[in-house]
Amino acid sequence: MKAIILSAGQGKRLMPLTADRPKCLIALSGRTLLEWQLRHLAQAGVDEAVVVTGFGADMVDQAIAAMPLSGIRVRTLHNPFYALADNLGSCWAARGEMEDGFLILNGDTLFPTAAAARLLAEGDAPITVTIDRKDGYDADDMKVRTAPDGRLLAIGKTLPAEIVNGESIGFLKFTREGGHRFRTEVERALRAPEGLKLWYLSVIDRIARATPEDAPPVVGTVGIEGLEWGEMDFPADVRRNEALTRGWLAAEGAGR
C-alpha cells in the first residue's frame, strides 16, 4: 500500500514558525510532523510513501534523508504549481501515482497508528474517508454528512450545521476502481476556471453527491471515535499537538 502525502504548502497561518520552512517540518516533541506521519504509516503496514512537496522542497528532501525510518520507502514528488493552486493541484501533480490502491493524507494531519490500521482494515468502498465525530463543529472543520449505512453524502466546510454528523480528518483510502474515478474527476475539475482554487475534497463531494441512493456506495467512511488526532493550522494547534506527541513518545517508551 502506498501513501501520498500532500505537503506542498507553506502554512502561512502558522507564521512566523513557517517563515523559513514548510509546516510539515515543524518539530513536535523532537520529531517533525512529517516524521510522525511516516513512522505511524510504517507501523500500520504501509510500505511506500510519496511526499508531494512545494514550498521548501529541498528542505523536505534533506529532512527525509536524515530520518531514522524503517519498513517504509519514501520519495518526493515536486509540485511546481503549489503557489498557484490549492491541494487539488498537488493531487493532479501526483495523478501518475494513483494506478493501484493508495492512501491520500493531508500534510498537516497527525494521527495515531491505530487510525491508519483501522482505515486499512475496514475501508472497503472504492473511496473511504476517515471521520471523527464530536458534539459541535466550527467553521474550519471539514464537515461531513453520512447516511446510516456509513456512506458519505456530502463533505465541505460550509455544510449547514443541521445536516452535519462528522468531520473528515484528511485521510482517505482508494481502491484501484476508486482511484481511477478520483483521478478522472481531478483532471476534469482542473479544466474549469475555478479548478486551481479547489480542495481535492470538493471532488470527493462531487463523486458522493452523484452516486444514486439505491446504488452501492462509491464513497464510504471509517470512524475513529476515541482515537486522538490533530491538525496543524494555527499556533494553538502546535501546543495541542506537542501534548499529543508527548503522549505518543511516553507510550513508545512504556512499550520497550
C-alpha atoms as a PDB file:
ATOM      1  CA  MET A   1       0.000   0.000   0.000  1.00  0.00           C
ATOM      2  CA  LYS A   2       1.238   3.430  -0.994  1.00  0.00           C
ATOM      3  CA  ALA A   3       0.510   6.696   0.829  1.00  0.00           C
ATOM      4  CA  ILE A   4       0.502  10.037  -0.988  1.00  0.00           C
ATOM      5  CA  ILE A   5       1.151  12.863   1.484  1.00  0.00           C
ATOM      6  CA  LEU A   6       0.154  16.360   0.347  1.00  0.00           C
ATOM      7  CA  SER A   7       2.886  18.529   1.891  1.00  0.00           C
ATOM      8  CA  ALA A   8       3.367  21.297  -0.654  1.00  0.00           C
ATOM      9  CA  GLY A   9       2.001  24.176   1.420  1.00  0.00           C
ATOM     10  CA  GLN A  10       3.908  26.691   3.490  1.00  0.00           C
ATOM     11  CA  GLY A  11       1.277  27.085   6.207  1.00  0.00           C
ATOM     12  CA  LYS A  12       1.056  30.873   6.312  1.00  0.00           C
ATOM     13  CA  ARG A  13      -1.449  30.806   9.181  1.00  0.00           C
ATOM     14  CA  LEU A  14       1.369  29.396  11.324  1.00  0.00           C
ATOM     15  CA  MET A  15       3.754  32.292  10.739  1.00  0.00           C
ATOM     16  CA  PRO A  16       6.401  33.016  11.969  1.00  0.00           C
ATOM     17  CA  LEU A  17       7.030  29.273  12.515  1.00  0.00           C
ATOM     18  CA  THR A  18       6.755  28.701   8.783  1.00  0.00           C
ATOM     19  CA  ALA A  19       8.671  31.744   7.590  1.00  0.00           C
ATOM     20  CA  ASP A  20      11.631  29.581   6.604  1.00  0.00           C
ATOM     21  CA  ARG A  21      10.192  26.059   6.495  1.00  0.00           C
ATOM     22  CA  PRO A  22       7.045  24.246   5.348  1.00  0.00           C
ATOM     23  CA  LYS A  23       4.651  23.295   8.116  1.00  0.00           C
ATOM     24  CA  CYS A  24       5.322  19.584   7.608  1.00  0.00           C
ATOM     25  CA  LEU A  25       8.769  20.254   9.143  1.00  0.00           C
ATOM     26  CA  ILE A  26       7.528  21.886  12.347  1.00  0.00           C
ATOM     27  CA  ALA A  27       9.044  19.964  15.254  1.00  0.00           C
ATOM     28  CA  LEU A  28       6.756  18.247  17.752  1.00  0.00           C
ATOM     29  CA  SER A  29       8.378  16.510  20.725  1.00  0.00           C
ATOM     30  CA  GLY A  30      11.675  16.134  18.883  1.00  0.00           C
ATOM     31  CA  ARG A  31      10.281  14.878  15.569  1.00  0.00           C
ATOM     32  CA  THR A  32       8.836  16.757  12.632  1.00  0.00           C
ATOM     33  CA  LEU A  33       5.170  16.437  11.787  1.00  0.00           C
ATOM     34  CA  LEU A  34       6.199  14.560   8.635  1.00  0.00           C
ATOM     35  CA  GLU A  35       8.329  12.083  10.580  1.00  0.00           C
ATOM     36  CA  TRP A  36       5.410  11.330  12.899  1.00  0.00           C
ATOM     37  CA  GLN A  37       3.251  10.632   9.855  1.00  0.00           C
ATOM     38  CA  LEU A  38       5.804   8.359   8.207  1.00  0.00           C
ATOM     39  CA  ARG A  39       6.520   6.416  11.395  1.00  0.00           C
ATOM     40  CA  HIS A  40       2.854   5.722  12.038  1.00  0.00           C
ATOM     41  CA  LEU A  41       2.191   4.766   8.414  1.00  0.00           C
ATOM     42  CA  ALA A  42       5.060   2.279   8.573  1.00  0.00           C
ATOM     43  CA  GLN A  43       3.806   0.842  11.850  1.00  0.00           C
ATOM     44  CA  ALA A  44       0.386   0.297  10.262  1.00  0.00           C
ATOM     45  CA  GLY A  45       1.929  -1.651   7.384  1.00  0.00           C
ATOM     46  CA  VAL A  46       2.245   0.984   4.665  1.00  0.00           C
ATOM     47  CA  ASP A  47       5.480   0.249   2.822  1.00  0.00           C
ATOM     48  CA  GLU A  48       5.754   3.211   0.436  1.00  0.00           C
ATOM     49  CA  ALA A  49       5.138   6.945   0.765  1.00  0.00           C
ATOM     50  CA  VAL A  50       5.263   9.681  -1.851  1.00  0.00           C
ATOM     51  CA  VAL A  51       5.555  13.148  -0.317  1.00  0.00           C
ATOM     52  CA  VAL A  52       4.278  15.897  -2.621  1.00  0.00           C
ATOM     53  CA  THR A  53       6.466  18.943  -1.981  1.00  0.00           C
ATOM     54  CA  GLY A  54       6.261  22.601  -2.908  1.00  0.00           C
ATOM     55  CA  PHE A  55       7.446  25.325  -0.546  1.00  0.00           C
ATOM     56  CA  GLY A  56      10.823  24.391   0.911  1.00  0.00           C
ATOM     57  CA  ALA A  57      11.102  21.266  -1.249  1.00  0.00           C
ATOM     58  CA  ASP A  58      14.865  20.948  -0.783  1.00  0.00           C
ATOM     59  CA  MET A  59      14.457  21.139   2.994  1.00  0.00           C
ATOM     60  CA  VAL A  60      11.925  18.310   2.894  1.00  0.00           C
ATOM     61  CA  ASP A  61      14.272  16.172   0.791  1.00  0.00           C
ATOM     62  CA  GLN A  62      17.090  16.738   3.276  1.00  0.00           C
ATOM     63  CA  ALA A  63      14.864  16.048   6.276  1.00  0.00           C
ATOM     64  CA  ILE A  64      13.623  12.753   4.822  1.00  0.00           C
ATOM     65  CA  ALA A  65      17.180  11.650   4.034  1.00  0.00           C
ATOM     66  CA  ALA A  66      18.098  12.187   7.703  1.00  0.00           C
ATOM     67  CA  MET A  67      15.065  10.418   9.213  1.00  0.00           C
ATOM     68  CA  PRO A  68      15.753   7.130  11.032  1.00  0.00           C
ATOM     69  CA  LEU A  69      12.906   5.238   9.356  1.00  0.00           C
ATOM     70  CA  SER A  70      12.477   1.525   8.769  1.00  0.00           C
ATOM     71  CA  GLY A  71       9.895  -0.529   6.922  1.00  0.00           C
ATOM     72  CA  ILE A  72       8.846   2.215   4.515  1.00  0.00           C
ATOM     73  CA  ARG A  73      10.329   3.598   1.290  1.00  0.00           C
ATOM     74  CA  VAL A  74       9.957   7.353   0.978  1.00  0.00           C
ATOM     75  CA  ARG A  75      10.420   9.565  -2.048  1.00  0.00           C
ATOM     76  CA  THR A  76       9.305  13.045  -3.008  1.00  0.00           C
ATOM     77  CA  LEU A  77       7.412  14.447  -5.976  1.00  0.00           C
ATOM     78  CA  HIS A  78       7.613  18.195  -6.535  1.00  0.00           C
ATOM     79  CA  ASN A  79       4.509  20.216  -7.375  1.00  0.00           C
ATOM     80  CA  PRO A  80       5.876  23.275  -9.218  1.00  0.00           C
ATOM     81  CA  PHE A  81       2.439  24.933  -9.182  1.00  0.00           C
ATOM     82  CA  TYR A  82       1.993  24.866  -5.388  1.00  0.00           C
ATOM     83  CA  ALA A  83       1.862  28.668  -5.137  1.00  0.00           C
ATOM     84  CA  LEU A  84      -0.839  28.918  -7.809  1.00  0.00           C
ATOM     85  CA  ALA A  85      -3.230  26.133  -6.819  1.00  0.00           C
ATOM     86  CA  ASP A  86      -4.827  24.615  -3.728  1.00  0.00           C
ATOM     87  CA  ASN A  87      -4.279  20.946  -2.858  1.00  0.00           C
ATOM     88  CA  LEU A  88      -6.279  19.754  -5.857  1.00  0.00           C
ATOM     89  CA  GLY A  89      -3.198  20.841  -7.815  1.00  0.00           C
ATOM     90  CA  SER A  90      -0.996  18.557  -5.715  1.00  0.00           C
ATOM     91  CA  CYS A  91      -3.332  15.650  -6.469  1.00  0.00           C
ATOM     92  CA  TRP A  92      -3.069  16.471 -10.175  1.00  0.00           C
ATOM     93  CA  ALA A  93       0.739  16.505  -9.897  1.00  0.00           C
ATOM     94  CA  ALA A  94       0.594  13.069  -8.217  1.00  0.00           C
ATOM     95  CA  ARG A  95      -2.001  11.524 -10.524  1.00  0.00           C
ATOM     96  CA  GLY A  96       0.610   9.179 -12.005  1.00  0.00           C
ATOM     97  CA  GLU A  97       0.960   7.566  -8.558  1.00  0.00           C
ATOM     98  CA  MET A  98      -2.733   6.625  -8.475  1.00  0.00           C
ATOM     99  CA  GLU A  99      -2.707   3.421 -10.521  1.00  0.00           C
ATOM    100  CA  ASP A 100      -3.417   0.873  -7.765  1.00  0.00           C
ATOM    101  CA  GLY A 101      -4.780   1.075  -4.230  1.00  0.00           C
ATOM    102  CA  PHE A 102      -3.390   4.030  -2.299  1.00  0.00           C
ATOM    103  CA  LEU A 103      -3.938   6.433   0.576  1.00  0.00           C
ATOM    104  CA  ILE A 104      -4.092  10.230   0.460  1.00  0.00           C
ATOM    105  CA  LEU A 105      -3.092  12.102   3.599  1.00  0.00           C
ATOM    106  CA  ASN A 106      -3.129  15.821   4.278  1.00  0.00           C
ATOM    107  CA  GLY A 107       0.351  17.037   5.136  1.00  0.00           C
ATOM    108  CA  ASP A 108      -0.914  18.672   8.323  1.00  0.00           C
ATOM    109  CA  THR A 109      -2.797  15.723   9.848  1.00  0.00           C
ATOM    110  CA  LEU A 110      -1.371  13.956  12.917  1.00  0.00           C
ATOM    111  CA  PHE A 111      -2.850  10.524  13.504  1.00  0.00           C
ATOM    112  CA  PRO A 112      -2.081   7.501  15.686  1.00  0.00           C
ATOM    113  CA  THR A 113      -1.005   4.205  14.179  1.00  0.00           C
ATOM    114  CA  ALA A 114      -4.379   2.758  15.170  1.00  0.00           C
ATOM    115  CA  ALA A 115      -6.201   5.221  12.895  1.00  0.00           C
ATOM    116  CA  ALA A 116      -4.176   4.154   9.862  1.00  0.00           C
ATOM    117  CA  ALA A 117      -4.626   0.486  10.762  1.00  0.00           C
ATOM    118  CA  ARG A 118      -8.393   0.927  11.063  1.00  0.00           C
ATOM    119  CA  LEU A 119      -8.632   2.658   7.688  1.00  0.00           C
ATOM    120  CA  LEU A 120      -6.584  -0.087   6.038  1.00  0.00           C
ATOM    121  CA  ALA A 121      -8.604  -2.879   7.644  1.00  0.00           C
ATOM    122  CA  GLU A 122     -12.134  -1.529   7.420  1.00  0.00           C
ATOM    123  CA  GLY A 123     -12.299   0.732   4.382  1.00  0.00           C
ATOM    124  CA  ASP A 124     -13.895  -1.449   1.684  1.00  0.00           C
ATOM    125  CA  ALA A 125     -15.682   1.104  -0.522  1.00  0.00           C
ATOM    126  CA  PRO A 126     -13.937   2.313  -3.683  1.00  0.00           C
ATOM    127  CA  ILE A 127     -13.177   5.516  -1.757  1.00  0.00           C
ATOM    128  CA  THR A 128     -13.136   5.665   2.053  1.00  0.00           C
ATOM    129  CA  VAL A 129     -12.978   8.862   4.109  1.00  0.00           C
ATOM    130  CA  THR A 130     -11.714   8.674   7.703  1.00  0.00           C
ATOM    131  CA  ILE A 131     -14.021  10.645  10.002  1.00  0.00           C
ATOM    132  CA  ASP A 132     -14.430  11.580  13.636  1.00  0.00           C
ATOM    133  CA  ARG A 133     -17.496  12.773  15.471  1.00  0.00           C
ATOM    134  CA  LYS A 134     -17.927  15.366  18.220  1.00  0.00           C
ATOM    135  CA  ASP A 135     -20.623  17.488  19.841  1.00  0.00           C
ATOM    136  CA  GLY A 136     -20.125  20.570  17.648  1.00  0.00           C
ATOM    137  CA  TYR A 137     -18.225  21.735  14.578  1.00  0.00           C
ATOM    138  CA  ASP A 138     -16.597  25.078  13.789  1.00  0.00           C
ATOM    139  CA  ALA A 139     -16.113  26.977  10.545  1.00  0.00           C
ATOM    140  CA  ASP A 140     -12.689  25.480   9.816  1.00  0.00           C
ATOM    141  CA  ASP A 141     -13.761  21.834  10.239  1.00  0.00           C
ATOM    142  CA  MET A 142     -14.103  19.775   7.062  1.00  0.00           C
ATOM    143  CA  LYS A 143     -17.630  18.695   7.867  1.00  0.00           C
ATOM    144  CA  VAL A 144     -19.405  15.610   6.557  1.00  0.00           C
ATOM    145  CA  ARG A 145     -22.898  14.244   6.224  1.00  0.00           C
ATOM    146  CA  THR A 146     -23.192  10.476   6.320  1.00  0.00           C
ATOM    147  CA  ALA A 147     -26.063   8.039   5.845  1.00  0.00           C
ATOM    148  CA  PRO A 148     -26.955   5.403   8.474  1.00  0.00           C
ATOM    149  CA  ASP A 149     -25.114   2.769   6.412  1.00  0.00           C
ATOM    150  CA  GLY A 150     -21.903   4.842   6.595  1.00  0.00           C
ATOM    151  CA  ARG A 151     -21.884   6.112   3.036  1.00  0.00           C
ATOM    152  CA  LEU A 152     -20.735   9.698   2.526  1.00  0.00           C
ATOM    153  CA  LEU A 153     -23.472  12.005   1.290  1.00  0.00           C
ATOM    154  CA  ALA A 154     -21.623  15.330   1.337  1.00  0.00           C
ATOM    155  CA  ILE A 155     -18.363  16.889   2.522  1.00  0.00           C
ATOM    156  CA  GLY A 156     -17.291  20.532   2.834  1.00  0.00           C
ATOM    157  CA  LYS A 157     -16.540  23.321   5.262  1.00  0.00           C
ATOM    158  CA  THR A 158     -19.786  25.171   4.534  1.00  0.00           C
ATOM    159  CA  LEU A 159     -22.314  22.364   5.034  1.00  0.00           C
ATOM    160  CA  PRO A 160     -25.354  23.525   7.046  1.00  0.00           C
ATOM    161  CA  ALA A 161     -24.932  22.690  10.727  1.00  0.00           C
ATOM    162  CA  GLU A 162     -28.255  20.839  10.891  1.00  0.00           C
ATOM    163  CA  ILE A 163     -27.104  18.105   8.483  1.00  0.00           C
ATOM    164  CA  VAL A 164     -23.548  17.653   9.792  1.00  0.00           C
ATOM    165  CA  ASN A 165     -22.759  14.476  11.742  1.00  0.00           C
ATOM    166  CA  GLY A 166     -18.972  14.209  11.500  1.00  0.00           C
ATOM    167  CA  GLU A 167     -15.733  15.676  10.174  1.00  0.00           C
ATOM    168  CA  SER A 168     -13.020  14.436   7.850  1.00  0.00           C
ATOM    169  CA  ILE A 169      -9.543  14.162   9.360  1.00  0.00           C
ATOM    170  CA  GLY A 170      -7.892  14.403   5.932  1.00  0.00           C
ATOM    171  CA  PHE A 171      -7.006  10.728   5.465  1.00  0.00           C
ATOM    172  CA  LEU A 172      -8.533   8.685   2.599  1.00  0.00           C
ATOM    173  CA  LYS A 173      -8.183   5.233   1.084  1.00  0.00           C
ATOM    174  CA  PHE A 174      -8.743   4.358  -2.582  1.00  0.00           C
ATOM    175  CA  THR A 175      -9.105   1.015  -4.295  1.00  0.00           C
ATOM    176  CA  ARG A 176      -7.974   0.708  -7.911  1.00  0.00           C
ATOM    177  CA  GLU A 177     -11.525   1.471  -9.019  1.00  0.00           C
ATOM    178  CA  GLY A 178     -11.874   4.420  -6.660  1.00  0.00           C
ATOM    179  CA  GLY A 179      -8.505   5.813  -7.650  1.00  0.00           C
ATOM    180  CA  HIS A 180      -9.408   5.733 -11.321  1.00  0.00           C
ATOM    181  CA  ARG A 181     -12.668   7.583 -10.636  1.00  0.00           C
ATOM    182  CA  PHE A 182     -10.884  10.141  -8.462  1.00  0.00           C
ATOM    183  CA  ARG A 183      -8.096  10.754 -10.981  1.00  0.00           C
ATOM    184  CA  THR A 184     -10.631  11.277 -13.774  1.00  0.00           C
ATOM    185  CA  GLU A 185     -12.592  13.787 -11.693  1.00  0.00           C
ATOM    186  CA  VAL A 186      -9.429  15.658 -10.650  1.00  0.00           C
ATOM    187  CA  GLU A 187      -8.457  16.120 -14.288  1.00  0.00           C
ATOM    188  CA  ARG A 188     -11.993  17.249 -15.142  1.00  0.00           C
ATOM    189  CA  ALA A 189     -12.115  19.728 -12.239  1.00  0.00           C
ATOM    190  CA  LEU A 190      -8.848  21.386 -13.228  1.00  0.00           C
ATOM    191  CA  ARG A 191     -10.221  22.156 -16.682  1.00  0.00           C
ATOM    192  CA  ALA A 192     -12.733  24.528 -15.081  1.00  0.00           C
ATOM    193  CA  PRO A 193     -11.760  28.186 -14.465  1.00  0.00           C
ATOM    194  CA  GLU A 194     -12.144  27.759 -10.690  1.00  0.00           C
ATOM    195  CA  GLY A 195     -10.196  24.486 -10.572  1.00  0.00           C
ATOM    196  CA  LEU A 196      -6.967  25.991  -9.241  1.00  0.00           C
ATOM    197  CA  LYS A 197      -8.740  27.203  -6.104  1.00  0.00           C
ATOM    198  CA  LEU A 198     -10.449  23.926  -5.209  1.00  0.00           C
ATOM    199  CA  TRP A 199      -9.651  21.489  -2.415  1.00  0.00           C
ATOM    200  CA  TYR A 200      -9.400  17.878  -3.528  1.00  0.00           C
ATOM    201  CA  LEU A 201     -12.211  17.017  -1.131  1.00  0.00           C
ATOM    202  CA  SER A 202     -14.549  19.048  -3.343  1.00  0.00           C
ATOM    203  CA  VAL A 203     -14.006  16.286  -5.920  1.00  0.00           C
ATOM    204  CA  ILE A 204     -14.903  13.668  -3.289  1.00  0.00           C
ATOM    205  CA  ASP A 205     -18.057  15.679  -2.539  1.00  0.00           C
ATOM    206  CA  ARG A 206     -18.934  15.702  -6.239  1.00  0.00           C
ATOM    207  CA  ILE A 207     -18.485  11.936  -6.525  1.00  0.00           C
ATOM    208  CA  ALA A 208     -20.547  11.265  -3.390  1.00  0.00           C
ATOM    209  CA  ARG A 209     -23.429  13.507  -4.475  1.00  0.00           C
ATOM    210  CA  ALA A 210     -23.505  11.929  -7.939  1.00  0.00           C
ATOM    211  CA  THR A 211     -23.987   8.394  -6.560  1.00  0.00           C
ATOM    212  CA  PRO A 212     -27.671   7.306  -6.632  1.00  0.00           C
ATOM    213  CA  GLU A 213     -29.116   6.374  -3.231  1.00  0.00           C
ATOM    214  CA  ASP A 214     -30.112   2.918  -4.483  1.00  0.00           C
ATOM    215  CA  ALA A 215     -26.622   2.182  -5.862  1.00  0.00           C
ATOM    216  CA  PRO A 216     -23.733   0.678  -3.884  1.00  0.00           C
ATOM    217  CA  PRO A 217     -21.773   3.476  -2.180  1.00  0.00           C
ATOM    218  CA  VAL A 218     -18.768   4.805  -4.069  1.00  0.00           C
ATOM    219  CA  VAL A 219     -17.610   6.858  -1.081  1.00  0.00           C
ATOM    220  CA  GLY A 220     -17.769   5.204   2.332  1.00  0.00           C
ATOM    221  CA  THR A 221     -16.487   6.228   5.749  1.00  0.00           C
ATOM    222  CA  VAL A 222     -14.498   4.731   8.623  1.00  0.00           C
ATOM    223  CA  GLY A 223     -14.885   6.273  12.068  1.00  0.00           C
ATOM    224  CA  ILE A 224     -12.015   6.734  14.508  1.00  0.00           C
ATOM    225  CA  GLU A 225     -14.017   7.869  17.523  1.00  0.00           C
ATOM    226  CA  GLY A 226     -11.978   7.513  20.693  1.00  0.00           C
ATOM    227  CA  LEU A 227      -8.595   7.920  18.975  1.00  0.00           C
ATOM    228  CA  GLU A 228      -6.613  11.113  19.454  1.00  0.00           C
ATOM    229  CA  TRP A 229      -5.527  13.018  16.348  1.00  0.00           C
ATOM    230  CA  GLY A 230      -4.683  16.586  15.445  1.00  0.00           C
ATOM    231  CA  GLU A 231      -4.408  19.154  12.675  1.00  0.00           C
ATOM    232  CA  MET A 232      -1.761  21.836  12.199  1.00  0.00           C
ATOM    233  CA  ASP A 233      -3.409  25.051  11.047  1.00  0.00           C
ATOM    234  CA  PHE A 234      -2.972  27.672  13.774  1.00  0.00           C
ATOM    235  CA  PRO A 235      -0.408  28.447  16.513  1.00  0.00           C
ATOM    236  CA  ALA A 236      -2.731  26.993  19.160  1.00  0.00           C
ATOM    237  CA  ASP A 237      -2.634  23.682  17.281  1.00  0.00           C
ATOM    238  CA  VAL A 238       1.121  23.478  17.840  1.00  0.00           C
ATOM    239  CA  ARG A 239       0.666  23.498  21.611  1.00  0.00           C
ATOM    240  CA  ARG A 240      -2.065  20.848  21.468  1.00  0.00           C
ATOM    241  CA  ASN A 241      -0.009  18.683  19.131  1.00  0.00           C
ATOM    242  CA  GLU A 242       3.037  18.968  21.371  1.00  0.00           C
ATOM    243  CA  ALA A 243       0.953  17.483  24.182  1.00  0.00           C
ATOM    244  CA  LEU A 244      -0.422  14.784  21.861  1.00  0.00           C
ATOM    245  CA  THR A 245       3.004  13.697  20.630  1.00  0.00           C
ATOM    246  CA  ARG A 246       4.475  13.730  24.140  1.00  0.00           C
ATOM    247  CA  GLY A 247       1.867  11.129  24.996  1.00  0.00           C
ATOM    248  CA  TRP A 248       2.854   9.050  21.978  1.00  0.00           C
ATOM    249  CA  LEU A 249       6.512   9.239  22.976  1.00  0.00           C
ATOM    250  CA  ALA A 250       5.655   8.132  26.515  1.00  0.00           C
ATOM    251  CA  ALA A 251       3.693   5.176  25.104  1.00  0.00           C
ATOM    252  CA  GLU A 252       6.672   4.203  22.944  1.00  0.00           C
ATOM    253  CA  GLY A 253       8.923   4.253  25.998  1.00  0.00           C
ATOM    254  CA  ALA A 254       6.487   2.178  28.013  1.00  0.00           C
ATOM    255  CA  GLY A 255       6.354  -0.406  25.247  1.00  0.00           C
ATOM    256  CA  ARG A 256      10.079  -1.017  25.112  1.00  0.00           C
END
